Amino acid sequence: MDDRTNPARPVGGARYDRDLYTWALEQAALLRAGRITEADALNIAEELDDVGNEQYDKLESALRLILLHLLKWDHQPQRRSRSWHGSIAVQRKHVLQVLRKNPGLKSVAHEAMIEAYETARIEAATQTALEQETFAVDCPYSWDEIMDRPIAWPPKE
């Protein structure tokens, strides 16, 4: 099959698998021009799935960082730092921003929290030099605790 008959490359266009940037611009132009039949529908659908997955990954990543620092905060109180406090605050804002921009993610936020905790638990064990068994297998925090539990800085003596 040559480039003129390959559905992954419209006539005169870039190949999806060789130049995603140019391909995406060309696909957008085709759609805006109403030339739907010339668009690479299968690969456009694939890219749209990827966009949705990237938003989920942003949510999970922000939750992972919150959970990591909450675990460290709770298991190493003597090492609490302004950095941990700041990370929790920033990532809470990031979670809210991702959910505000992508309200459909609210239905999978609990799933993202569970997945984020699994990774945060491993990272917390590595970063604290504590045994992984020190940290609960299941997430010990509710959504409200993750998002709203007060984290006082500087620590009260």
Protein backbone atom coordinates (compact mmCIF):
# COMPACT_ATOMS: atom_id res chain seq x y z
CA MET A 1 0.00 0.00 0.00
CA ASP A 2 1.47 3.36 -0.93
CA ASP A 3 0.92 6.65 0.91
CA ARG A 4 -1.89 7.70 -1.44
CA THR A 5 -4.07 4.73 -0.44
CA ASN A 6 -3.00 4.37 3.20
CA PRO A 7 -5.89 5.43 5.48
CA ALA A 8 -3.39 6.55 8.12
CA ARG A 9 -2.22 9.25 5.73
CA PRO A 10 -4.68 11.42 3.83
CA VAL A 11 -3.52 12.49 0.40
CA GLY A 12 -0.80 15.11 0.84
CA GLY A 13 -0.76 14.56 4.60
CA ALA A 14 1.52 13.29 7.32
CA ARG A 15 1.49 9.73 8.61
CA TYR A 16 0.04 9.23 12.05
CA ASP A 17 2.83 6.87 13.04
CA ARG A 18 5.70 9.05 11.80
CA ASP A 19 4.75 12.66 12.58
CA LEU A 20 1.97 12.93 15.16
CA TYR A 21 2.25 16.70 15.43
CA THR A 22 1.76 17.40 11.72
CA TRP A 23 -0.85 14.66 11.45
CA ALA A 24 -2.87 16.20 14.32
CA LEU A 25 -2.80 19.66 12.75
CA GLU A 26 -3.88 18.24 9.39
CA GLN A 27 -6.69 16.22 10.98
CA ALA A 28 -7.97 19.28 12.83
CA ALA A 29 -7.92 21.29 9.60
CA LEU A 30 -9.84 18.56 7.76
CA LEU A 31 -12.49 18.44 10.48
CA ARG A 32 -12.83 22.22 10.61
CA ALA A 33 -13.24 22.28 6.84
CA GLY A 34 -16.02 19.69 7.07
CA ARG A 35 -13.97 17.13 5.14
CA ILE A 36 -14.95 14.37 7.55
CA THR A 37 -14.60 11.52 5.07
CA GLU A 38 -10.95 12.44 4.48
CA ALA A 39 -10.14 12.41 8.19
CA ASP A 40 -8.34 9.49 9.82
CA ALA A 41 -11.25 8.51 12.10
CA LEU A 42 -9.67 5.44 13.73
CA ASN A 43 -6.52 7.23 14.78
CA ILE A 44 -8.46 10.34 15.81
CA ALA A 45 -10.55 8.12 18.09
CA GLU A 46 -7.35 6.58 19.51
CA GLU A 47 -5.93 10.02 20.25
CA LEU A 48 -9.15 11.14 21.93
CA ASP A 49 -8.99 8.07 24.18
CA ASP A 50 -5.42 9.03 25.02
CA VAL A 51 -6.50 12.58 25.93
CA GLY A 52 -9.05 11.18 28.37
CA ASN A 53 -6.48 8.82 29.85
CA GLU A 54 -4.02 11.69 30.29
CA GLN A 55 -6.59 13.59 32.36
CA TYR A 56 -7.14 10.53 34.55
CA ASP A 57 -3.37 10.18 34.93
CA LYS A 58 -3.11 13.83 36.05
CA LEU A 59 -5.70 13.18 38.75
CA GLU A 60 -4.02 9.98 39.89
CA SER A 61 -0.59 11.62 39.95
CA ALA A 62 -1.76 14.52 42.11
CA LEU A 63 -3.49 12.11 44.50
CA ARG A 64 -0.34 9.96 44.65
CA LEU A 65 1.75 12.93 45.76
CA ILE A 66 -0.78 13.94 48.41
CA LEU A 67 -0.94 10.39 49.71
CA LEU A 68 2.84 9.99 49.67
CA HIS A 69 3.31 13.10 51.78
CA LEU A 70 0.44 12.25 54.13
CA LEU A 71 2.02 8.85 54.76
CA LYS A 72 5.40 10.42 55.41
CA TRP A 73 3.77 13.12 57.57
CA ASP A 74 2.02 10.51 59.71
CA HIS A 75 4.85 7.98 59.95
CA GLN A 76 7.79 10.34 60.39
CA PRO A 77 6.50 13.31 62.42
CA GLN A 78 10.05 14.25 63.43
CA ARG A 79 10.90 14.82 59.75
CA ARG A 80 7.91 16.96 58.79
CA SER A 81 8.92 19.76 56.50
CA ARG A 82 7.69 22.86 54.80
CA SER A 83 8.23 20.99 51.53
CA TRP A 84 5.80 18.19 52.47
CA HIS A 85 3.28 20.74 53.66
CA GLY A 86 3.61 22.71 50.43
CA SER A 87 3.35 19.63 48.25
CA ILE A 88 0.11 18.56 49.93
CA ALA A 89 -1.38 22.04 49.51
CA VAL A 90 -0.33 22.40 45.86
CA GLN A 91 -1.48 18.94 44.86
CA ARG A 92 -4.86 19.45 46.56
CA LYS A 93 -5.33 22.52 44.39
CA HIS A 94 -4.24 20.50 41.36
CA VAL A 95 -6.82 17.75 42.10
CA LEU A 96 -9.57 20.36 42.37
CA GLN A 97 -8.45 22.00 39.12
CA VAL A 98 -8.38 18.70 37.23
CA LEU A 99 -11.86 17.80 38.52
CA ARG A 100 -13.21 21.27 37.72
CA LYS A 101 -11.92 21.06 34.15
CA ASN A 102 -12.98 17.40 33.76
CA PRO A 103 -16.17 16.82 35.79
CA GLY A 104 -16.53 13.35 34.25
CA LEU A 105 -13.53 12.26 36.31
CA LYS A 106 -15.56 12.60 39.51
CA SER A 107 -17.11 9.20 38.79
CA VAL A 108 -13.67 7.53 38.79
CA ALA A 109 -11.98 9.63 41.50
CA HIS A 110 -12.25 6.82 44.08
CA GLU A 111 -10.62 4.38 41.64
CA ALA A 112 -7.82 6.89 40.99
CA MET A 113 -7.36 7.28 44.75
CA ILE A 114 -6.99 3.50 45.21
CA GLU A 115 -4.48 3.23 42.36
CA ALA A 116 -2.58 6.27 43.62
CA TYR A 117 -2.34 4.82 47.11
CA GLU A 118 -0.83 1.56 45.86
CA THR A 119 2.04 3.52 44.32
CA ALA A 120 2.32 6.04 47.18
CA ARG A 121 2.68 3.17 49.65
CA ILE A 122 5.66 1.75 47.74
CA GLU A 123 7.25 5.19 47.39
CA ALA A 124 6.70 6.00 51.07
CA ALA A 125 8.45 2.79 52.10
CA THR A 126 11.37 3.59 49.82
CA GLN A 127 11.69 7.23 50.85
CA THR A 128 11.32 6.64 54.59
CA ALA A 129 13.38 3.43 54.77
CA LEU A 130 10.45 1.89 56.66
CA GLU A 131 9.19 -1.56 55.75
CA GLN A 132 6.32 -1.51 53.26
CA GLU A 133 4.26 -3.49 55.81
CA THR A 134 4.42 -0.40 58.05
CA PHE A 135 1.87 1.19 55.74
CA ALA A 136 -1.69 -0.12 55.50
CA VAL A 137 -2.43 -2.23 52.44
CA ASP A 138 -5.66 -0.32 51.83
CA CYS A 139 -5.75 3.45 51.80
CA PRO A 140 -6.24 4.62 55.39
CA TYR A 141 -7.59 8.02 54.33
CA SER A 142 -11.06 9.00 53.22
CA TRP A 143 -11.49 11.38 50.30
CA ASP A 144 -12.30 14.17 52.76
CA GLU A 145 -9.11 13.52 54.73
CA ILE A 146 -7.02 13.51 51.57
CA MET A 147 -8.49 16.78 50.40
CA ASP A 148 -9.26 18.65 53.62
CA ARG A 149 -7.37 17.30 56.63
CA PRO A 150 -5.54 20.20 58.25
CA ILE A 151 -1.77 19.98 57.95
CA ALA A 152 -0.40 22.55 60.36
CA TRP A 153 2.83 24.33 59.48
CA PRO A 154 4.90 25.16 61.34
CA PRO A 155 4.22 22.18 63.62
CA LYS A 156 2.63 22.91 66.98
CA GLU A 157 4.94 22.12 69.89
